[in-house]
Amino acid sequence: MRTKLLVIIALTCALSGFCLAQSSPTTATTPASTGGSSAPYNEGPVWTLTMIKTKTGLADEYIKQITGTVKPVYDEEKKQKVILDYKILNGEASNPHDFNILILVEYPNWAAFDTLRNKMDPVVAKVMGSEEQQKELAVKRLDVREILGTKTMREITLK
């Protein structure tokens, strides 16, 4: 019994030592320790992707709606350098639960999100009106589309 207990203790110590060695920082010079990255890519701007499913036959109606509201907001944000660019892709859904419109907005980096609302609220108010008017527009859009989801992702360039 005592031998089994000593073997278990020895194995536990060995396993703990192995785990500790795996998580300890190295002192050797690596690209990360010299300021570079060992990742096989370079990090670029950050994109938000909004996946939209319009009701059957109403894609053009939705695009007309956002041409008068969303486009001027993005154009003003681009002018003020809040965003770098935006793109709207229109296509066919691959199944009844898929999106057919994809809105992409490009930001310079993750830090751009830190004060984003402070920068965007005045632009949105200028273009789309009061909060009440903004709500009315949002409710009107519910008749023609559904937002299936939003993702935020970093663009990378392969080395």
N, C-alpha and C. Protein backbone atom coordinates (compact mmCIF):
# COMPACT_ATOMS: atom_id res chain seq x y z
N MET A 1 0.82 -1.19 0.00
CA MET A 1 0.00 0.00 0.00
C MET A 1 0.87 1.26 0.00
N ARG A 2 1.94 1.21 0.83
CA ARG A 2 2.83 2.37 0.93
C ARG A 2 3.57 2.59 -0.39
N THR A 3 3.92 1.55 -1.08
CA THR A 3 4.61 1.65 -2.36
C THR A 3 3.70 2.31 -3.40
N LYS A 4 2.43 1.93 -3.41
CA LYS A 4 1.46 2.53 -4.34
C LYS A 4 1.33 4.03 -4.06
N LEU A 5 1.28 4.39 -2.79
CA LEU A 5 1.16 5.80 -2.42
C LEU A 5 2.38 6.59 -2.87
N LEU A 6 3.58 6.02 -2.72
CA LEU A 6 4.80 6.70 -3.16
C LEU A 6 4.84 6.84 -4.68
N VAL A 7 4.38 5.84 -5.40
CA VAL A 7 4.35 5.90 -6.86
C VAL A 7 3.38 6.99 -7.31
N ILE A 8 2.21 7.06 -6.67
CA ILE A 8 1.21 8.09 -7.02
C ILE A 8 1.78 9.48 -6.74
N ILE A 9 2.43 9.66 -5.61
CA ILE A 9 3.03 10.97 -5.27
C ILE A 9 4.12 11.32 -6.28
N ALA A 10 4.95 10.36 -6.64
CA ALA A 10 6.03 10.60 -7.60
C ALA A 10 5.47 10.98 -8.96
N LEU A 11 4.44 10.26 -9.40
CA LEU A 11 3.81 10.58 -10.69
C LEU A 11 3.16 11.96 -10.67
N THR A 12 2.50 12.30 -9.56
CA THR A 12 1.87 13.61 -9.43
C THR A 12 2.92 14.72 -9.49
N CYS A 13 4.04 14.52 -8.79
CA CYS A 13 5.12 15.53 -8.82
C CYS A 13 5.70 15.66 -10.23
N ALA A 14 5.91 14.52 -10.88
CA ALA A 14 6.47 14.56 -12.24
C ALA A 14 5.51 15.27 -13.19
N LEU A 15 4.22 14.95 -13.08
CA LEU A 15 3.22 15.58 -13.94
C LEU A 15 3.13 17.08 -13.66
N SER A 16 3.18 17.46 -12.39
CA SER A 16 3.15 18.88 -12.03
C SER A 16 4.36 19.61 -12.58
N GLY A 17 5.51 18.98 -12.46
CA GLY A 17 6.74 19.59 -13.00
C GLY A 17 6.67 19.76 -14.51
N PHE A 18 6.13 18.76 -15.19
CA PHE A 18 5.98 18.84 -16.65
C PHE A 18 5.04 19.98 -17.02
N CYS A 19 3.90 20.08 -16.33
CA CYS A 19 2.94 21.16 -16.62
C CYS A 19 3.55 22.53 -16.35
N LEU A 20 4.29 22.64 -15.26
CA LEU A 20 4.94 23.91 -14.93
C LEU A 20 5.96 24.29 -15.99
N ALA A 21 6.70 23.31 -16.47
CA ALA A 21 7.70 23.58 -17.50
C ALA A 21 7.04 24.04 -18.80
N GLN A 22 5.86 23.53 -19.10
CA GLN A 22 5.15 23.90 -20.32
C GLN A 22 4.64 25.33 -20.26
N SER A 23 4.30 25.82 -19.07
CA SER A 23 3.71 27.16 -18.96
C SER A 23 4.71 28.23 -18.54
N SER A 24 5.93 27.86 -18.25
CA SER A 24 6.93 28.84 -17.82
C SER A 24 7.44 29.62 -19.01
N PRO A 25 7.70 30.92 -18.82
CA PRO A 25 8.25 31.70 -19.93
C PRO A 25 9.68 31.27 -20.22
N THR A 26 10.04 31.35 -21.48
CA THR A 26 11.40 30.99 -21.86
C THR A 26 12.28 32.22 -21.82
N THR A 27 13.56 31.99 -21.68
CA THR A 27 14.50 33.11 -21.66
C THR A 27 15.21 33.25 -22.99
N ALA A 28 14.98 32.31 -23.89
CA ALA A 28 15.61 32.37 -25.21
C ALA A 28 14.99 33.49 -26.02
N THR A 29 15.74 34.03 -26.95
CA THR A 29 15.24 35.08 -27.81
C THR A 29 14.34 34.49 -28.88
N THR A 30 13.09 34.93 -28.89
CA THR A 30 12.12 34.50 -29.89
C THR A 30 11.62 35.74 -30.61
N PRO A 31 10.98 35.57 -31.76
CA PRO A 31 10.44 36.75 -32.44
C PRO A 31 9.50 37.55 -31.54
N ALA A 32 8.71 36.87 -30.71
CA ALA A 32 7.77 37.58 -29.84
C ALA A 32 8.51 38.40 -28.79
N SER A 33 9.65 37.88 -28.29
CA SER A 33 10.36 38.61 -27.24
C SER A 33 11.17 39.78 -27.81
N THR A 34 11.36 39.81 -29.11
CA THR A 34 12.09 40.91 -29.73
C THR A 34 11.15 41.92 -30.38
N GLY A 35 9.84 41.77 -30.11
CA GLY A 35 8.89 42.74 -30.64
C GLY A 35 8.15 42.25 -31.86
N GLY A 36 8.63 41.20 -32.54
CA GLY A 36 7.95 40.66 -33.71
C GLY A 36 7.01 39.55 -33.30
N SER A 37 6.34 38.99 -34.26
CA SER A 37 5.42 37.90 -33.99
C SER A 37 5.84 36.69 -34.79
N SER A 38 5.63 35.54 -34.22
CA SER A 38 5.93 34.30 -34.94
C SER A 38 4.71 33.81 -35.70
N ALA A 39 3.62 34.57 -35.66
CA ALA A 39 2.40 34.19 -36.39
C ALA A 39 2.68 34.18 -37.89
N PRO A 40 2.01 33.32 -38.63
CA PRO A 40 2.24 33.25 -40.07
C PRO A 40 1.48 34.32 -40.86
N TYR A 41 1.11 35.39 -40.19
CA TYR A 41 0.36 36.46 -40.83
C TYR A 41 0.63 37.79 -40.14
N ASN A 42 0.31 38.89 -40.83
CA ASN A 42 0.36 40.23 -40.26
C ASN A 42 -1.07 40.67 -39.97
N GLU A 43 -1.25 41.33 -38.84
CA GLU A 43 -2.59 41.79 -38.46
C GLU A 43 -2.92 43.08 -39.18
N GLY A 44 -4.16 43.19 -39.61
CA GLY A 44 -4.62 44.37 -40.32
C GLY A 44 -5.80 45.01 -39.63
N PRO A 45 -6.64 45.69 -40.39
CA PRO A 45 -7.79 46.37 -39.81
C PRO A 45 -8.83 45.38 -39.29
N VAL A 46 -9.81 45.91 -38.58
CA VAL A 46 -10.87 45.11 -37.98
C VAL A 46 -12.17 45.39 -38.74
N TRP A 47 -12.91 44.35 -39.02
CA TRP A 47 -14.17 44.46 -39.78
C TRP A 47 -15.34 43.97 -38.94
N THR A 48 -16.45 44.69 -39.03
CA THR A 48 -17.71 44.13 -38.51
C THR A 48 -18.50 43.66 -39.71
N LEU A 49 -19.10 42.50 -39.57
CA LEU A 49 -19.90 41.89 -40.63
C LEU A 49 -21.31 41.71 -40.10
N THR A 50 -22.28 42.27 -40.77
CA THR A 50 -23.67 42.12 -40.37
C THR A 50 -24.38 41.33 -41.44
N MET A 51 -24.95 40.19 -41.03
CA MET A 51 -25.61 39.28 -41.96
C MET A 51 -27.12 39.53 -41.91
N ILE A 52 -27.68 39.90 -43.05
CA ILE A 52 -29.08 40.31 -43.12
C ILE A 52 -29.85 39.42 -44.08
N LYS A 53 -31.01 39.02 -43.64
CA LYS A 53 -31.93 38.23 -44.47
C LYS A 53 -33.15 39.10 -44.75
N THR A 54 -33.33 39.45 -46.02
CA THR A 54 -34.52 40.23 -46.35
C THR A 54 -35.67 39.29 -46.65
N LYS A 55 -36.87 39.79 -46.45
CA LYS A 55 -38.04 38.98 -46.77
C LYS A 55 -38.12 38.83 -48.28
N THR A 56 -38.70 37.74 -48.71
CA THR A 56 -38.76 37.41 -50.13
C THR A 56 -39.28 38.59 -50.96
N GLY A 57 -38.50 38.95 -51.96
CA GLY A 57 -38.88 40.03 -52.88
C GLY A 57 -38.66 41.43 -52.36
N LEU A 58 -38.10 41.59 -51.14
CA LEU A 58 -37.95 42.93 -50.55
C LEU A 58 -36.50 43.39 -50.42
N ALA A 59 -35.57 42.72 -51.08
CA ALA A 59 -34.16 43.12 -51.00
C ALA A 59 -33.97 44.54 -51.53
N ASP A 60 -34.57 44.85 -52.68
CA ASP A 60 -34.42 46.20 -53.24
C ASP A 60 -35.05 47.25 -52.33
N GLU A 61 -36.15 46.92 -51.70
CA GLU A 61 -36.80 47.86 -50.77
C GLU A 61 -35.87 48.15 -49.59
N TYR A 62 -35.24 47.12 -49.07
CA TYR A 62 -34.31 47.30 -47.96
C TYR A 62 -33.11 48.15 -48.40
N ILE A 63 -32.59 47.87 -49.56
CA ILE A 63 -31.44 48.63 -50.07
C ILE A 63 -31.83 50.10 -50.27
N LYS A 64 -33.05 50.36 -50.74
CA LYS A 64 -33.52 51.76 -50.85
C LYS A 64 -33.55 52.42 -49.48
N GLN A 65 -34.03 51.69 -48.47
CA GLN A 65 -34.11 52.26 -47.11
C GLN A 65 -32.72 52.62 -46.58
N ILE A 66 -31.77 51.72 -46.74
CA ILE A 66 -30.45 52.00 -46.17
C ILE A 66 -29.66 53.01 -47.01
N THR A 67 -30.05 53.18 -48.26
CA THR A 67 -29.39 54.19 -49.08
C THR A 67 -29.64 55.59 -48.51
N GLY A 68 -30.81 55.79 -47.93
CA GLY A 68 -31.15 57.09 -47.37
C GLY A 68 -30.76 57.27 -45.92
N THR A 69 -30.37 56.19 -45.25
CA THR A 69 -30.07 56.29 -43.82
C THR A 69 -28.67 55.80 -43.49
N VAL A 70 -28.40 54.54 -43.76
CA VAL A 70 -27.12 53.94 -43.38
C VAL A 70 -25.98 54.50 -44.22
N LYS A 71 -26.18 54.62 -45.52
CA LYS A 71 -25.12 55.12 -46.41
C LYS A 71 -24.62 56.51 -45.99
N PRO A 72 -25.52 57.48 -45.74
CA PRO A 72 -25.01 58.79 -45.31
C PRO A 72 -24.24 58.73 -43.99
N VAL A 73 -24.65 57.85 -43.08
CA VAL A 73 -23.93 57.71 -41.81
C VAL A 73 -22.53 57.19 -42.07
N TYR A 74 -22.43 56.13 -42.85
CA TYR A 74 -21.11 55.56 -43.15
C TYR A 74 -20.25 56.56 -43.93
N ASP A 75 -20.84 57.29 -44.86
CA ASP A 75 -20.07 58.27 -45.63
C ASP A 75 -19.51 59.36 -44.71
N GLU A 76 -20.32 59.82 -43.76
CA GLU A 76 -19.86 60.84 -42.81
C GLU A 76 -18.80 60.28 -41.87
N GLU A 77 -18.99 59.05 -41.40
CA GLU A 77 -17.99 58.43 -40.52
C GLU A 77 -16.67 58.22 -41.26
N LYS A 78 -16.76 57.90 -42.53
CA LYS A 78 -15.55 57.73 -43.35
C LYS A 78 -14.85 59.09 -43.51
N LYS A 79 -15.64 60.13 -43.75
CA LYS A 79 -15.09 61.48 -43.91
C LYS A 79 -14.38 61.92 -42.62
N GLN A 80 -14.97 61.57 -41.46
CA GLN A 80 -14.38 61.93 -40.17
C GLN A 80 -13.31 60.93 -39.70
N LYS A 81 -13.04 59.92 -40.54
CA LYS A 81 -12.02 58.90 -40.25
C LYS A 81 -12.36 58.04 -39.03
N VAL A 82 -13.65 57.91 -38.73
CA VAL A 82 -14.09 56.99 -37.69
C VAL A 82 -13.98 55.57 -38.23
N ILE A 83 -14.33 55.40 -39.51
CA ILE A 83 -14.17 54.12 -40.19
C ILE A 83 -13.27 54.33 -41.39
N LEU A 84 -12.67 53.24 -41.86
CA LEU A 84 -11.83 53.33 -43.05
C LEU A 84 -12.65 53.17 -44.32
N ASP A 85 -13.62 52.24 -44.27
CA ASP A 85 -14.41 51.95 -45.46
C ASP A 85 -15.61 51.11 -45.06
N TYR A 86 -16.50 50.91 -46.00
CA TYR A 86 -17.62 49.99 -45.81
C TYR A 86 -17.97 49.38 -47.15
N LYS A 87 -18.57 48.21 -47.09
CA LYS A 87 -18.99 47.52 -48.31
C LYS A 87 -20.33 46.86 -48.02
N ILE A 88 -21.16 46.80 -49.04
CA ILE A 88 -22.43 46.10 -48.94
C ILE A 88 -22.47 45.08 -50.07
N LEU A 89 -22.61 43.80 -49.69
CA LEU A 89 -22.66 42.73 -50.67
C LEU A 89 -24.09 42.20 -50.74
N ASN A 90 -24.56 41.99 -51.95
CA ASN A 90 -25.91 41.51 -52.20
C ASN A 90 -25.80 40.22 -53.00
N GLY A 91 -26.49 39.19 -52.60
CA GLY A 91 -26.42 37.92 -53.31
C GLY A 91 -27.61 37.04 -52.96
N GLU A 92 -27.49 35.80 -53.33
CA GLU A 92 -28.55 34.83 -53.07
C GLU A 92 -28.25 34.07 -51.78
N ALA A 93 -29.29 33.83 -51.02
CA ALA A 93 -29.15 32.99 -49.83
C ALA A 93 -28.96 31.54 -50.27
N SER A 94 -28.15 30.80 -49.54
CA SER A 94 -27.90 29.41 -49.91
C SER A 94 -28.97 28.46 -49.38
N ASN A 95 -29.76 28.93 -48.43
CA ASN A 95 -30.88 28.15 -47.90
C ASN A 95 -31.86 29.11 -47.23
N PRO A 96 -33.03 28.66 -46.83
CA PRO A 96 -34.03 29.58 -46.26
C PRO A 96 -33.60 30.28 -44.97
N HIS A 97 -32.54 29.80 -44.33
CA HIS A 97 -32.08 30.40 -43.07
C HIS A 97 -30.82 31.23 -43.24
N ASP A 98 -30.40 31.45 -44.48
CA ASP A 98 -29.15 32.15 -44.79
C ASP A 98 -29.41 33.62 -45.06
N PHE A 99 -28.35 34.43 -44.98
CA PHE A 99 -28.44 35.85 -45.30
C PHE A 99 -28.28 36.06 -46.80
N ASN A 100 -28.79 37.18 -47.29
CA ASN A 100 -28.59 37.54 -48.69
C ASN A 100 -27.91 38.89 -48.84
N ILE A 101 -27.76 39.62 -47.74
CA ILE A 101 -27.05 40.90 -47.76
C ILE A 101 -26.03 40.87 -46.63
N LEU A 102 -24.82 41.31 -46.94
CA LEU A 102 -23.75 41.36 -45.97
C LEU A 102 -23.21 42.79 -45.94
N ILE A 103 -23.23 43.39 -44.77
CA ILE A 103 -22.69 44.75 -44.61
C ILE A 103 -21.37 44.62 -43.85
N LEU A 104 -20.30 45.15 -44.45
CA LEU A 104 -18.97 45.10 -43.85
C LEU A 104 -18.52 46.53 -43.56
N VAL A 105 -18.04 46.76 -42.36
CA VAL A 105 -17.52 48.07 -41.98
C VAL A 105 -16.10 47.87 -41.48
N GLU A 106 -15.17 48.64 -42.05
CA GLU A 106 -13.74 48.50 -41.74
C GLU A 106 -13.29 49.59 -40.76
N TYR A 107 -12.68 49.14 -39.67
CA TYR A 107 -12.13 50.03 -38.64
C TYR A 107 -10.61 49.88 -38.64
N PRO A 108 -9.88 50.92 -38.26
CA PRO A 108 -8.41 50.83 -38.32
C PRO A 108 -7.82 49.76 -37.40
N ASN A 109 -8.44 49.55 -36.22
CA ASN A 109 -7.91 48.60 -35.25
C ASN A 109 -8.95 48.37 -34.15
N TRP A 110 -8.63 47.51 -33.19
CA TRP A 110 -9.56 47.23 -32.10
C TRP A 110 -9.77 48.47 -31.22
N ALA A 111 -8.77 49.31 -31.10
CA ALA A 111 -8.88 50.50 -30.26
C ALA A 111 -9.96 51.46 -30.76
N ALA A 112 -10.30 51.38 -32.03
CA ALA A 112 -11.34 52.25 -32.59
C ALA A 112 -12.68 52.04 -31.90
N PHE A 113 -12.88 50.88 -31.28
CA PHE A 113 -14.15 50.58 -30.62
C PHE A 113 -14.25 51.21 -29.23
N ASP A 114 -13.11 51.66 -28.68
CA ASP A 114 -13.11 52.21 -27.32
C ASP A 114 -14.00 53.44 -27.17
N THR A 115 -14.00 54.32 -28.13
CA THR A 115 -14.80 55.55 -28.04
C THR A 115 -15.78 55.65 -29.22
N LEU A 116 -16.13 54.52 -29.77
CA LEU A 116 -16.93 54.50 -30.99
C LEU A 116 -18.29 55.16 -30.80
N ARG A 117 -18.98 54.85 -29.74
CA ARG A 117 -20.32 55.42 -29.54
C ARG A 117 -20.27 56.94 -29.43
N ASN A 118 -19.26 57.47 -28.74
CA ASN A 118 -19.13 58.92 -28.62
C ASN A 118 -18.94 59.59 -29.98
N LYS A 119 -18.28 58.88 -30.89
CA LYS A 119 -18.05 59.43 -32.23
C LYS A 119 -19.26 59.23 -33.14
N MET A 120 -19.95 58.10 -32.97
CA MET A 120 -21.04 57.76 -33.88
C MET A 120 -22.36 58.45 -33.55
N ASP A 121 -22.67 58.60 -32.29
CA ASP A 121 -23.97 59.17 -31.91
C ASP A 121 -24.26 60.52 -32.57
N PRO A 122 -23.29 61.46 -32.56
CA PRO A 122 -23.57 62.75 -33.21
C PRO A 122 -23.79 62.61 -34.72
N VAL A 123 -23.05 61.71 -35.35
CA VAL A 123 -23.21 61.50 -36.80
C VAL A 123 -24.58 60.90 -37.10
N VAL A 124 -24.97 59.90 -36.33
CA VAL A 124 -26.27 59.26 -36.53
C VAL A 124 -27.39 60.27 -36.29
N ALA A 125 -27.28 61.07 -35.24
CA ALA A 125 -28.30 62.08 -34.95
C ALA A 125 -28.40 63.11 -36.08
N LYS A 126 -27.26 63.51 -36.62
CA LYS A 126 -27.22 64.49 -37.71
C LYS A 126 -27.92 63.95 -38.96
N VAL A 127 -27.67 62.69 -39.27
CA VAL A 127 -28.19 62.11 -40.50
C VAL A 127 -29.60 61.55 -40.34
N MET A 128 -29.86 60.88 -39.21
CA MET A 128 -31.12 60.15 -39.05
C MET A 128 -32.11 60.82 -38.11
N GLY A 129 -31.72 61.89 -37.46
CA GLY A 129 -32.66 62.60 -36.60
C GLY A 129 -32.61 62.16 -35.15
N SER A 130 -33.66 62.51 -34.44
CA SER A 130 -33.74 62.24 -33.00
C SER A 130 -33.82 60.74 -32.73
N GLU A 131 -33.71 60.39 -31.46
CA GLU A 131 -33.81 58.98 -31.08
C GLU A 131 -35.16 58.41 -31.48
N GLU A 132 -36.20 59.19 -31.36
CA GLU A 132 -37.54 58.74 -31.74
C GLU A 132 -37.61 58.46 -33.24
N GLN A 133 -37.03 59.34 -34.04
CA GLN A 133 -37.00 59.12 -35.49
C GLN A 133 -36.17 57.89 -35.83
N GLN A 134 -35.07 57.69 -35.13
CA GLN A 134 -34.23 56.52 -35.36
C GLN A 134 -34.99 55.24 -35.03
N LYS A 135 -35.77 55.26 -33.96
CA LYS A 135 -36.57 54.09 -33.59
C LYS A 135 -37.62 53.79 -34.66
N GLU A 136 -38.25 54.83 -35.17
CA GLU A 136 -39.26 54.65 -36.21
C GLU A 136 -38.65 54.00 -37.45
N LEU A 137 -37.47 54.45 -37.83
CA LEU A 137 -36.78 53.86 -38.98
C LEU A 137 -36.42 52.39 -38.72
N ALA A 138 -35.96 52.11 -37.50
CA ALA A 138 -35.59 50.74 -37.16
C ALA A 138 -36.81 49.83 -37.19
N VAL A 139 -37.94 50.30 -36.69
CA VAL A 139 -39.17 49.50 -36.71
C VAL A 139 -39.63 49.28 -38.14
N LYS A 140 -39.51 50.29 -38.97
CA LYS A 140 -39.90 50.17 -40.38
C LYS A 140 -39.07 49.09 -41.09
N ARG A 141 -37.79 49.01 -40.73
CA ARG A 141 -36.91 48.01 -41.35
C ARG A 141 -37.29 46.59 -40.94
N LEU A 142 -37.92 46.43 -39.77
CA LEU A 142 -38.33 45.10 -39.33
C LEU A 142 -39.30 44.45 -40.31
N ASP A 143 -40.03 45.28 -41.06
CA ASP A 143 -40.99 44.76 -42.03
C ASP A 143 -40.33 44.11 -43.23
N VAL A 144 -39.06 44.44 -43.49
CA VAL A 144 -38.42 43.94 -44.70
C VAL A 144 -37.19 43.08 -44.46
N ARG A 145 -36.65 43.09 -43.25
CA ARG A 145 -35.43 42.33 -43.02
C ARG A 145 -35.32 41.82 -41.60
N GLU A 146 -34.40 40.85 -41.46
CA GLU A 146 -34.04 40.29 -40.17
C GLU A 146 -32.52 40.25 -40.10
N ILE A 147 -31.95 40.70 -38.98
CA ILE A 147 -30.51 40.61 -38.80
C ILE A 147 -30.22 39.24 -38.21
N LEU A 148 -29.51 38.42 -38.96
CA LEU A 148 -29.21 37.05 -38.50
C LEU A 148 -28.03 37.01 -37.54
N GLY A 149 -27.16 38.00 -37.63
CA GLY A 149 -26.02 38.02 -36.73
C GLY A 149 -25.00 39.05 -37.14
N THR A 150 -24.10 39.30 -36.21
CA THR A 150 -23.00 40.24 -36.45
C THR A 150 -21.72 39.59 -35.94
N LYS A 151 -20.64 39.76 -36.67
CA LYS A 151 -19.33 39.27 -36.26
C LYS A 151 -18.34 40.41 -36.37
N THR A 152 -17.34 40.37 -35.53
CA THR A 152 -16.23 41.31 -35.63
C THR A 152 -14.97 40.47 -35.80
N MET A 153 -14.22 40.76 -36.86
CA MET A 153 -13.05 39.95 -37.19
C MET A 153 -11.90 40.84 -37.66
N ARG A 154 -10.69 40.37 -37.40
CA ARG A 154 -9.51 41.09 -37.86
C ARG A 154 -9.07 40.55 -39.21
N GLU A 155 -8.76 41.47 -40.10
CA GLU A 155 -8.20 41.09 -41.40
C GLU A 155 -6.75 40.69 -41.19
N ILE A 156 -6.32 39.64 -41.86
CA ILE A 156 -4.91 39.24 -41.78
C ILE A 156 -4.34 39.13 -43.19
N THR A 157 -3.04 39.35 -43.28
CA THR A 157 -2.31 39.18 -44.53
C THR A 157 -1.28 38.08 -44.28
N LEU A 158 -1.32 37.06 -45.10
CA LEU A 158 -0.39 35.94 -44.91
C LEU A 158 1.03 36.38 -45.23
N LYS A 159 1.96 35.90 -44.44
CA LYS A 159 3.39 36.23 -44.64
C LYS A 159 3.95 35.41 -45.77
